[in-house]
Amino acid sequence: MTVLDDRTSATPIAFLALELTSRCQLTCPGQCYATAGPTAGHGDMTAEDWHRIIGEAAALGTKTVQIIGGEPTLAPAFTELVEHALRVGLSVRVYSNLYKVRAEHWPLFEDPRVSVATSYYSDTAAEHDAITGREGSHAKTRASIVEAVHRKVRLRVAVIDHGNGQRAEQARAEMEALGVPVTVDQVRAVGRAASGLLPSTSSLCGRCGHGKAAILPSGHVSVCEIGRFLTAGNVRQTSLAAVLSSPEWMEARKGVPDRASGDPCGPDCSPSDDSSGGGGSCSPMG
């Protein structure tokens, strides 16, 4: 592999999402932007590739990495990659479905440099389980949320509202009663939620690629995990700096429409809210 290094002209990326795997215990048949599931693979990126990228991101000035999937805790190198990111001085956010938290992961989640985010859909088991495509997921995720609160894990919950009378606001109230910071977002028409149609930039918040990027399991670099159809380069063939300084990256960023509002992406921009303190909704363009 030829690795180029062009740090001087690379676009600054403060927030980098690392999509370690497409495997997940859930299927979320009406919403998963990554089309993840129990039979999906971990992608082409090796543990060594991810280690290198984390180091490169830190050298480029990245402050936070978000470890995401699929279900990132199913990736074989999950623990070592989180620990590596912490060693090189990065803050880490783990976006997990919290369907099943292994005993060895709780101390990792309790580290003050680590935050955890998850999605929740309804205060009723039947509705939540129908959205995730897995019976019993409501009970397991809710139990993990309660345990995280007990352990004082830095946790945030996003309620993803599909509409059609979904009990999203009741789910929000339930999480608030537990003392968990919670926001409500709407489904983005990407992946399974696109219902077979080509994804549209109207589903994007408008800040994709601006101070943030995502690396997919294939190694392709996208403007964000939701805007995964806008890619430029592959870090399996070249360095992250080379991708972020390339004309192709500039073109990918131009593909993201500007928001009508000047407000930054606020806490309702799920799952990759990179804001500090909020400041407006991050609803899709429309």
C-alpha atoms as a PDB file:
ATOM      1  CA  MET A   1       0.000   0.000   0.000  1.00  0.00           C
ATOM      2  CA  THR A   2       1.255   3.481  -0.873  1.00  0.00           C
ATOM      3  CA  VAL A   3       0.441   5.918   1.916  1.00  0.00           C
ATOM      4  CA  LEU A   4       0.620   9.580   1.015  1.00  0.00           C
ATOM      5  CA  ASP A   5       0.797  12.312   3.620  1.00  0.00           C
ATOM      6  CA  ASP A   6      -0.430  15.824   2.927  1.00  0.00           C
ATOM      7  CA  ARG A   7      -1.297  17.209   6.349  1.00  0.00           C
ATOM      8  CA  THR A   8      -0.718  20.808   5.355  1.00  0.00           C
ATOM      9  CA  SER A   9      -3.663  20.929   2.974  1.00  0.00           C
ATOM     10  CA  ALA A  10      -5.984  18.384   4.582  1.00  0.00           C
ATOM     11  CA  THR A  11      -9.426  19.655   5.561  1.00  0.00           C
ATOM     12  CA  PRO A  12      -9.550  19.910   9.392  1.00  0.00           C
ATOM     13  CA  ILE A  13     -11.777  17.202  10.837  1.00  0.00           C
ATOM     14  CA  ALA A  14     -12.670  17.596  14.516  1.00  0.00           C
ATOM     15  CA  PHE A  15     -15.172  14.708  14.580  1.00  0.00           C
ATOM     16  CA  LEU A  16     -14.533  11.406  12.822  1.00  0.00           C
ATOM     17  CA  ALA A  17     -16.963   8.476  12.772  1.00  0.00           C
ATOM     18  CA  LEU A  18     -15.419   5.022  12.441  1.00  0.00           C
ATOM     19  CA  GLU A  19     -17.936   2.460  11.215  1.00  0.00           C
ATOM     20  CA  LEU A  20     -16.214  -0.705  12.376  1.00  0.00           C
ATOM     21  CA  THR A  21     -18.738  -3.254  11.180  1.00  0.00           C
ATOM     22  CA  SER A  22     -22.026  -3.825   9.393  1.00  0.00           C
ATOM     23  CA  ARG A  23     -22.979  -6.637  11.765  1.00  0.00           C
ATOM     24  CA  CYS A  24     -25.798  -5.992  14.216  1.00  0.00           C
ATOM     25  CA  GLN A  25     -28.154  -8.085  16.318  1.00  0.00           C
ATOM     26  CA  LEU A  26     -31.054  -5.984  14.999  1.00  0.00           C
ATOM     27  CA  THR A  27     -32.350  -5.453  11.463  1.00  0.00           C
ATOM     28  CA  CYS A  28     -34.397  -2.231  11.843  1.00  0.00           C
ATOM     29  CA  PRO A  29     -36.230  -3.029   8.591  1.00  0.00           C
ATOM     30  CA  GLY A  30     -37.657   0.455   8.110  1.00  0.00           C
ATOM     31  CA  GLN A  31     -34.744   2.646   9.028  1.00  0.00           C
ATOM     32  CA  CYS A  32     -31.157   1.325   9.135  1.00  0.00           C
ATOM     33  CA  TYR A  33     -29.011   3.726   7.087  1.00  0.00           C
ATOM     34  CA  ALA A  34     -26.163   1.174   7.042  1.00  0.00           C
ATOM     35  CA  THR A  35     -28.366  -1.812   6.072  1.00  0.00           C
ATOM     36  CA  ALA A  36     -26.741  -3.690   8.943  1.00  0.00           C
ATOM     37  CA  GLY A  37     -27.903  -7.012  10.320  1.00  0.00           C
ATOM     38  CA  PRO A  38     -26.982 -10.324  11.980  1.00  0.00           C
ATOM     39  CA  THR A  39     -25.511 -11.843   8.804  1.00  0.00           C
ATOM     40  CA  ALA A  40     -23.549  -8.794   7.645  1.00  0.00           C
ATOM     41  CA  GLY A  41     -19.763  -8.752   7.755  1.00  0.00           C
ATOM     42  CA  HIS A  42     -17.122  -6.578   9.349  1.00  0.00           C
ATOM     43  CA  GLY A  43     -15.928  -5.060   6.074  1.00  0.00           C
ATOM     44  CA  ASP A  44     -12.512  -4.782   4.467  1.00  0.00           C
ATOM     45  CA  MET A  45     -10.763  -2.689   7.111  1.00  0.00           C
ATOM     46  CA  THR A  46      -8.432  -4.683   9.362  1.00  0.00           C
ATOM     47  CA  ALA A  47      -7.629  -3.920  12.985  1.00  0.00           C
ATOM     48  CA  GLU A  48      -4.255  -2.623  11.788  1.00  0.00           C
ATOM     49  CA  ASP A  49      -5.992  -0.298   9.326  1.00  0.00           C
ATOM     50  CA  TRP A  50      -8.204   1.126  12.070  1.00  0.00           C
ATOM     51  CA  HIS A  51      -5.225   1.562  14.427  1.00  0.00           C
ATOM     52  CA  ARG A  52      -3.390   3.511  11.734  1.00  0.00           C
ATOM     53  CA  ILE A  53      -6.374   5.723  10.963  1.00  0.00           C
ATOM     54  CA  ILE A  54      -6.911   6.571  14.621  1.00  0.00           C
ATOM     55  CA  GLY A  55      -3.286   7.664  14.869  1.00  0.00           C
ATOM     56  CA  GLU A  56      -3.538   9.679  11.663  1.00  0.00           C
ATOM     57  CA  ALA A  57      -6.731  11.367  12.857  1.00  0.00           C
ATOM     58  CA  ALA A  58      -5.084  12.414  16.107  1.00  0.00           C
ATOM     59  CA  ALA A  59      -2.104  13.814  14.178  1.00  0.00           C
ATOM     60  CA  LEU A  60      -4.486  15.829  11.987  1.00  0.00           C
ATOM     61  CA  GLY A  61      -6.115  17.465  15.017  1.00  0.00           C
ATOM     62  CA  THR A  62      -9.245  15.343  15.368  1.00  0.00           C
ATOM     63  CA  LYS A  63     -10.720  15.707  18.853  1.00  0.00           C
ATOM     64  CA  THR A  64     -13.433  13.043  18.947  1.00  0.00           C
ATOM     65  CA  VAL A  65     -13.956   9.692  17.267  1.00  0.00           C
ATOM     66  CA  GLN A  66     -17.336   8.051  17.220  1.00  0.00           C
ATOM     67  CA  ILE A  67     -17.226   4.261  17.164  1.00  0.00           C
ATOM     68  CA  ILE A  68     -20.278   3.065  15.304  1.00  0.00           C
ATOM     69  CA  GLY A  69     -21.652   0.213  13.192  1.00  0.00           C
ATOM     70  CA  GLY A  70     -23.748  -1.832  12.750  1.00  0.00           C
ATOM     71  CA  GLU A  71     -23.225  -2.669  16.365  1.00  0.00           C
ATOM     72  CA  PRO A  72     -19.623  -1.611  17.036  1.00  0.00           C
ATOM     73  CA  THR A  73     -19.168  -3.813  20.109  1.00  0.00           C
ATOM     74  CA  LEU A  74     -19.469  -6.850  17.803  1.00  0.00           C
ATOM     75  CA  ALA A  75     -16.298  -5.852  15.941  1.00  0.00           C
ATOM     76  CA  PRO A  76     -13.460  -8.160  17.058  1.00  0.00           C
ATOM     77  CA  ALA A  77     -11.083  -5.238  17.713  1.00  0.00           C
ATOM     78  CA  PHE A  78     -13.658  -2.976  19.402  1.00  0.00           C
ATOM     79  CA  THR A  79     -12.052  -2.800  22.857  1.00  0.00           C
ATOM     80  CA  GLU A  80      -8.484  -2.380  21.654  1.00  0.00           C
ATOM     81  CA  LEU A  81      -9.487   0.365  19.227  1.00  0.00           C
ATOM     82  CA  VAL A  82     -11.309   2.362  21.910  1.00  0.00           C
ATOM     83  CA  GLU A  83      -8.301   1.988  24.201  1.00  0.00           C
ATOM     84  CA  HIS A  84      -5.952   3.047  21.397  1.00  0.00           C
ATOM     85  CA  ALA A  85      -8.028   6.161  20.681  1.00  0.00           C
ATOM     86  CA  LEU A  86      -7.868   7.104  24.355  1.00  0.00           C
ATOM     87  CA  ARG A  87      -4.110   6.545  24.457  1.00  0.00           C
ATOM     88  CA  VAL A  88      -3.525   8.997  21.608  1.00  0.00           C
ATOM     89  CA  GLY A  89      -5.615  11.642  23.370  1.00  0.00           C
ATOM     90  CA  LEU A  90      -8.955  11.391  21.597  1.00  0.00           C
ATOM     91  CA  SER A  91     -12.375  11.536  23.186  1.00  0.00           C
ATOM     92  CA  VAL A  92     -14.515   8.551  22.247  1.00  0.00           C
ATOM     93  CA  ARG A  93     -18.220   8.223  21.682  1.00  0.00           C
ATOM     94  CA  VAL A  94     -19.619   4.715  21.299  1.00  0.00           C
ATOM     95  CA  TYR A  95     -22.938   4.511  19.481  1.00  0.00           C
ATOM     96  CA  SER A  96     -24.385   1.159  20.540  1.00  0.00           C
ATOM     97  CA  ASN A  97     -27.844  -0.371  20.428  1.00  0.00           C
ATOM     98  CA  LEU A  98     -27.166  -1.537  24.039  1.00  0.00           C
ATOM     99  CA  TYR A  99     -28.959  -4.761  23.188  1.00  0.00           C
ATOM    100  CA  LYS A 100     -26.327  -6.778  25.018  1.00  0.00           C
ATOM    101  CA  VAL A 101     -23.474  -5.144  26.916  1.00  0.00           C
ATOM    102  CA  ARG A 102     -20.656  -7.518  27.772  1.00  0.00           C
ATOM    103  CA  ALA A 103     -19.308  -7.374  31.311  1.00  0.00           C
ATOM    104  CA  GLU A 104     -15.889  -6.268  30.082  1.00  0.00           C
ATOM    105  CA  HIS A 105     -17.383  -3.295  28.244  1.00  0.00           C
ATOM    106  CA  TRP A 106     -18.947  -1.611  31.267  1.00  0.00           C
ATOM    107  CA  PRO A 107     -15.599  -0.397  32.741  1.00  0.00           C
ATOM    108  CA  LEU A 108     -14.748   0.973  29.298  1.00  0.00           C
ATOM    109  CA  PHE A 109     -18.050   2.873  29.157  1.00  0.00           C
ATOM    110  CA  GLU A 110     -17.442   4.245  32.649  1.00  0.00           C
ATOM    111  CA  ASP A 111     -14.207   5.951  31.596  1.00  0.00           C
ATOM    112  CA  PRO A 112     -14.863   9.737  31.790  1.00  0.00           C
ATOM    113  CA  ARG A 113     -13.263  10.175  28.368  1.00  0.00           C
ATOM    114  CA  VAL A 114     -15.891   7.884  26.839  1.00  0.00           C
ATOM    115  CA  SER A 115     -19.531   8.710  26.180  1.00  0.00           C
ATOM    116  CA  VAL A 116     -22.238   6.349  24.995  1.00  0.00           C
ATOM    117  CA  ALA A 117     -25.205   7.041  22.746  1.00  0.00           C
ATOM    118  CA  THR A 118     -28.093   4.804  21.811  1.00  0.00           C
ATOM    119  CA  SER A 119     -31.432   4.843  20.008  1.00  0.00           C
ATOM    120  CA  TYR A 120     -34.804   4.193  21.596  1.00  0.00           C
ATOM    121  CA  TYR A 121     -38.149   4.071  19.852  1.00  0.00           C
ATOM    122  CA  SER A 122     -41.120   3.661  22.158  1.00  0.00           C
ATOM    123  CA  ASP A 123     -42.207   3.224  25.732  1.00  0.00           C
ATOM    124  CA  THR A 124     -44.009   0.042  24.672  1.00  0.00           C
ATOM    125  CA  ALA A 125     -42.144  -3.171  23.935  1.00  0.00           C
ATOM    126  CA  ALA A 126     -44.289  -4.174  20.974  1.00  0.00           C
ATOM    127  CA  GLU A 127     -43.713  -0.940  19.068  1.00  0.00           C
ATOM    128  CA  HIS A 128     -39.994  -0.757  19.868  1.00  0.00           C
ATOM    129  CA  ASP A 129     -39.420  -4.403  18.904  1.00  0.00           C
ATOM    130  CA  ALA A 130     -41.321  -3.986  15.632  1.00  0.00           C
ATOM    131  CA  ILE A 131     -39.007  -1.123  14.647  1.00  0.00           C
ATOM    132  CA  THR A 132     -35.817  -3.004  15.539  1.00  0.00           C
ATOM    133  CA  GLY A 133     -37.027  -6.263  14.031  1.00  0.00           C
ATOM    134  CA  ARG A 134     -36.048  -8.213  17.140  1.00  0.00           C
ATOM    135  CA  GLU A 135     -38.391  -9.418  19.865  1.00  0.00           C
ATOM    136  CA  GLY A 136     -37.088  -8.612  23.312  1.00  0.00           C
ATOM    137  CA  SER A 137     -34.889  -5.730  22.166  1.00  0.00           C
ATOM    138  CA  HIS A 138     -36.922  -3.165  24.107  1.00  0.00           C
ATOM    139  CA  ALA A 139     -36.446  -4.959  27.412  1.00  0.00           C
ATOM    140  CA  LYS A 140     -32.710  -5.489  26.867  1.00  0.00           C
ATOM    141  CA  THR A 141     -31.945  -1.980  25.665  1.00  0.00           C
ATOM    142  CA  ARG A 142     -33.984  -0.384  28.435  1.00  0.00           C
ATOM    143  CA  ALA A 143     -32.280  -2.562  31.061  1.00  0.00           C
ATOM    144  CA  SER A 144     -28.882  -1.476  29.719  1.00  0.00           C
ATOM    145  CA  ILE A 145     -29.934   2.176  29.860  1.00  0.00           C
ATOM    146  CA  VAL A 146     -30.959   1.753  33.494  1.00  0.00           C
ATOM    147  CA  GLU A 147     -27.630   0.051  34.242  1.00  0.00           C
ATOM    148  CA  ALA A 148     -25.716   2.824  32.497  1.00  0.00           C
ATOM    149  CA  VAL A 149     -27.501   5.422  34.614  1.00  0.00           C
ATOM    150  CA  HIS A 150     -26.677   3.423  37.741  1.00  0.00           C
ATOM    151  CA  ARG A 151     -23.003   3.287  36.723  1.00  0.00           C
ATOM    152  CA  LYS A 152     -22.986   7.019  35.915  1.00  0.00           C
ATOM    153  CA  VAL A 153     -22.007   6.403  32.301  1.00  0.00           C
ATOM    154  CA  ARG A 154     -22.093   9.543  30.144  1.00  0.00           C
ATOM    155  CA  LEU A 155     -25.152   8.473  28.160  1.00  0.00           C
ATOM    156  CA  ARG A 156     -27.383  10.157  25.600  1.00  0.00           C
ATOM    157  CA  VAL A 157     -30.487   8.704  23.991  1.00  0.00           C
ATOM    158  CA  ALA A 158     -31.974   9.588  20.618  1.00  0.00           C
ATOM    159  CA  VAL A 159     -35.606   8.724  20.007  1.00  0.00           C
ATOM    160  CA  ILE A 160     -36.006   8.132  16.266  1.00  0.00           C
ATOM    161  CA  ASP A 161     -39.533   9.022  15.217  1.00  0.00           C
ATOM    162  CA  HIS A 162     -41.017   7.173  12.236  1.00  0.00           C
ATOM    163  CA  GLY A 163     -44.274   9.116  12.454  1.00  0.00           C
ATOM    164  CA  ASN A 164     -47.645   7.414  12.024  1.00  0.00           C
ATOM    165  CA  GLY A 165     -48.555   7.854  15.673  1.00  0.00           C
ATOM    166  CA  GLN A 166     -45.362   6.346  17.081  1.00  0.00           C
ATOM    167  CA  ARG A 167     -45.065   6.934  20.833  1.00  0.00           C
ATOM    168  CA  ALA A 168     -41.905   9.002  20.411  1.00  0.00           C
ATOM    169  CA  GLU A 169     -42.829  11.706  22.890  1.00  0.00           C
ATOM    170  CA  GLN A 170     -43.812   9.113  25.475  1.00  0.00           C
ATOM    171  CA  ALA A 171     -40.418   7.484  24.946  1.00  0.00           C
ATOM    172  CA  ARG A 172     -38.758  10.861  25.452  1.00  0.00           C
ATOM    173  CA  ALA A 173     -40.673  11.379  28.700  1.00  0.00           C
ATOM    174  CA  GLU A 174     -39.685   7.904  29.883  1.00  0.00           C
ATOM    175  CA  MET A 175     -35.990   8.601  29.305  1.00  0.00           C
ATOM    176  CA  GLU A 176     -36.210  12.013  30.949  1.00  0.00           C
ATOM    177  CA  ALA A 177     -37.785  10.388  34.000  1.00  0.00           C
ATOM    178  CA  LEU A 178     -34.711   8.159  34.208  1.00  0.00           C
ATOM    179  CA  GLY A 179     -32.519  11.252  34.131  1.00  0.00           C
ATOM    180  CA  VAL A 180     -31.078  10.589  30.669  1.00  0.00           C
ATOM    181  CA  PRO A 181     -30.432  13.431  28.193  1.00  0.00           C
ATOM    182  CA  VAL A 182     -32.735  12.630  25.274  1.00  0.00           C
ATOM    183  CA  THR A 183     -33.594  14.122  21.907  1.00  0.00           C
ATOM    184  CA  VAL A 184     -36.040  13.269  19.152  1.00  0.00           C
ATOM    185  CA  ASP A 185     -35.003  12.986  15.524  1.00  0.00           C
ATOM    186  CA  GLN A 186     -36.784  11.818  12.415  1.00  0.00           C
ATOM    187  CA  VAL A 187     -35.840   8.945  10.130  1.00  0.00           C
ATOM    188  CA  ARG A 188     -33.482   9.871   7.281  1.00  0.00           C
ATOM    189  CA  ALA A 189     -34.250   8.429   3.820  1.00  0.00           C
ATOM    190  CA  VAL A 190     -30.969   6.536   3.553  1.00  0.00           C
ATOM    191  CA  GLY A 191     -30.351   2.794   3.472  1.00  0.00           C
ATOM    192  CA  ARG A 192     -33.443   0.747   4.303  1.00  0.00           C
ATOM    193  CA  ALA A 193     -35.400   3.916   5.028  1.00  0.00           C
ATOM    194  CA  ALA A 194     -35.008   4.918   1.357  1.00  0.00           C
ATOM    195  CA  SER A 195     -37.360   2.060   0.404  1.00  0.00           C
ATOM    196  CA  GLY A 196     -35.277   1.075  -2.582  1.00  0.00           C
ATOM    197  CA  LEU A 197     -34.960   4.603  -3.953  1.00  0.00           C
ATOM    198  CA  LEU A 198     -31.674   6.387  -4.504  1.00  0.00           C
ATOM    199  CA  PRO A 199     -30.636   8.353  -1.393  1.00  0.00           C
ATOM    200  CA  SER A 200     -31.192  12.086  -1.545  1.00  0.00           C
ATOM    201  CA  THR A 201     -29.137  14.932  -0.151  1.00  0.00           C
ATOM    202  CA  SER A 202     -32.433  16.336   1.166  1.00  0.00           C
ATOM    203  CA  SER A 203     -31.990  13.858   4.037  1.00  0.00           C
ATOM    204  CA  LEU A 204     -28.784  15.542   5.146  1.00  0.00           C
ATOM    205  CA  CYS A 205     -28.494  18.228   7.801  1.00  0.00           C
ATOM    206  CA  GLY A 206     -26.181  20.442   5.764  1.00  0.00           C
ATOM    207  CA  ARG A 207     -23.011  20.150   7.841  1.00  0.00           C
ATOM    208  CA  CYS A 208     -21.804  16.787   6.544  1.00  0.00           C
ATOM    209  CA  GLY A 209     -18.138  17.037   5.595  1.00  0.00           C
ATOM    210  CA  HIS A 210     -17.685  20.340   7.414  1.00  0.00           C
ATOM    211  CA  GLY A 211     -15.400  19.532  10.304  1.00  0.00           C
ATOM    212  CA  LYS A 212     -16.553  15.927  10.260  1.00  0.00           C
ATOM    213  CA  ALA A 213     -16.217  12.786   8.192  1.00  0.00           C
ATOM    214  CA  ALA A 214     -16.875   9.066   8.408  1.00  0.00           C
ATOM    215  CA  ILE A 215     -14.909   5.999   7.418  1.00  0.00           C
ATOM    216  CA  LEU A 216     -17.044   3.087   6.287  1.00  0.00           C
ATOM    217  CA  PRO A 217     -16.228  -0.622   6.794  1.00  0.00           C
ATOM    218  CA  SER A 218     -14.924  -0.714   3.227  1.00  0.00           C
ATOM    219  CA  GLY A 219     -12.392   2.020   3.995  1.00  0.00           C
ATOM    220  CA  HIS A 220     -14.193   4.606   1.883  1.00  0.00           C
ATOM    221  CA  VAL A 221     -14.346   8.083   3.380  1.00  0.00           C
ATOM    222  CA  SER A 222     -17.752   9.756   3.364  1.00  0.00           C
ATOM    223  CA  VAL A 223     -18.975  13.175   4.434  1.00  0.00           C
ATOM    224  CA  CYS A 224     -20.772  11.491   7.366  1.00  0.00           C
ATOM    225  CA  GLU A 225     -22.331   8.126   8.082  1.00  0.00           C
ATOM    226  CA  ILE A 226     -25.771   9.346   6.972  1.00  0.00           C
ATOM    227  CA  GLY A 227     -24.305  10.880   3.820  1.00  0.00           C
ATOM    228  CA  ARG A 228     -22.532   7.606   3.016  1.00  0.00           C
ATOM    229  CA  PHE A 229     -23.403   7.921  -0.663  1.00  0.00           C
ATOM    230  CA  LEU A 230     -21.013  10.898  -0.949  1.00  0.00           C
ATOM    231  CA  THR A 231     -17.527   9.389  -0.762  1.00  0.00           C
ATOM    232  CA  ALA A 232     -14.010  10.368  -1.790  1.00  0.00           C
ATOM    233  CA  GLY A 233     -11.090   7.985  -1.613  1.00  0.00           C
ATOM    234  CA  ASN A 234     -10.316   4.908   0.434  1.00  0.00           C
ATOM    235  CA  VAL A 235      -7.944   4.860   3.406  1.00  0.00           C
ATOM    236  CA  ARG A 236      -6.929   1.291   2.648  1.00  0.00           C
ATOM    237  CA  GLN A 237      -5.036   2.669  -0.364  1.00  0.00           C
ATOM    238  CA  THR A 238      -3.885   6.041   0.944  1.00  0.00           C
ATOM    239  CA  SER A 239      -3.676   8.149   4.075  1.00  0.00           C
ATOM    240  CA  LEU A 240      -6.564  10.014   5.666  1.00  0.00           C
ATOM    241  CA  ALA A 241      -4.686  13.264   5.086  1.00  0.00           C
ATOM    242  CA  ALA A 242      -4.387  12.520   1.376  1.00  0.00           C
ATOM    243  CA  VAL A 243      -8.128  11.892   1.099  1.00  0.00           C
ATOM    244  CA  LEU A 244      -9.038  15.043   3.006  1.00  0.00           C
ATOM    245  CA  SER A 245      -6.785  17.165   0.808  1.00  0.00           C
ATOM    246  CA  SER A 246      -8.001  15.696  -2.481  1.00  0.00           C
ATOM    247  CA  PRO A 247     -10.169  17.391  -5.134  1.00  0.00           C
ATOM    248  CA  GLU A 248     -12.571  14.455  -4.790  1.00  0.00           C
ATOM    249  CA  TRP A 249     -13.165  15.343  -1.132  1.00  0.00           C
ATOM    250  CA  MET A 250     -13.868  18.949  -2.065  1.00  0.00           C
ATOM    251  CA  GLU A 251     -16.409  17.727  -4.626  1.00  0.00           C
ATOM    252  CA  ALA A 252     -18.073  15.433  -2.097  1.00  0.00           C
ATOM    253  CA  ARG A 253     -18.432  18.336   0.327  1.00  0.00           C
ATOM    254  CA  LYS A 254     -19.972  20.471  -2.424  1.00  0.00           C
ATOM    255  CA  GLY A 255     -22.629  17.779  -2.831  1.00  0.00           C
ATOM    256  CA  VAL A 256     -24.038  18.630   0.607  1.00  0.00           C
ATOM    257  CA  PRO A 257     -26.702  21.348   0.320  1.00  0.00           C
ATOM    258  CA  ASP A 258     -26.433  24.383   2.549  1.00  0.00           C
ATOM    259  CA  ARG A 259     -28.989  24.652   5.323  1.00  0.00           C
ATOM    260  CA  ALA A 260     -31.469  27.498   5.093  1.00  0.00           C
ATOM    261  CA  SER A 261     -30.803  28.273   8.757  1.00  0.00           C
ATOM    262  CA  GLY A 262     -27.466  29.392  10.123  1.00  0.00           C
ATOM    263  CA  ASP A 263     -27.978  27.409  13.317  1.00  0.00           C
ATOM    264  CA  PRO A 264     -25.403  24.703  13.962  1.00  0.00           C
ATOM    265  CA  CYS A 265     -26.457  21.093  14.115  1.00  0.00           C
ATOM    266  CA  GLY A 266     -28.039  20.737  17.509  1.00  0.00           C
ATOM    267  CA  PRO A 267     -28.698  17.818  19.795  1.00  0.00           C
ATOM    268  CA  ASP A 268     -31.456  16.400  17.608  1.00  0.00           C
ATOM    269  CA  CYS A 269     -28.930  15.485  14.895  1.00  0.00           C
ATOM    270  CA  SER A 270     -28.663  11.769  15.511  1.00  0.00           C
ATOM    271  CA  PRO A 271     -26.677   9.658  15.651  1.00  0.00           C
ATOM    272  CA  SER A 272     -23.597  11.771  15.092  1.00  0.00           C
ATOM    273  CA  ASP A 273     -24.310  14.947  16.995  1.00  0.00           C
ATOM    274  CA  ASP A 274     -20.949  16.677  17.244  1.00  0.00           C
ATOM    275  CA  SER A 275     -22.265  19.846  18.801  1.00  0.00           C
ATOM    276  CA  SER A 276     -21.297  21.136  22.194  1.00  0.00           C
ATOM    277  CA  GLY A 277     -24.216  22.631  23.952  1.00  0.00           C
ATOM    278  CA  GLY A 278     -26.728  22.355  21.151  1.00  0.00           C
ATOM    279  CA  GLY A 279     -27.984  25.311  19.262  1.00  0.00           C
ATOM    280  CA  GLY A 280     -30.789  24.430  16.950  1.00  0.00           C
ATOM    281  CA  SER A 281     -32.367  21.404  15.353  1.00  0.00           C
ATOM    282  CA  CYS A 282     -30.552  19.422  12.724  1.00  0.00           C
ATOM    283  CA  SER A 283     -33.588  18.380  10.737  1.00  0.00           C
ATOM    284  CA  PRO A 284     -33.138  17.137   7.190  1.00  0.00           C
ATOM    285  CA  MET A 285     -33.311  19.575   4.350  1.00  0.00           C
ATOM    286  CA  GLY A 286     -36.743  19.722   2.849  1.00  0.00           C
END
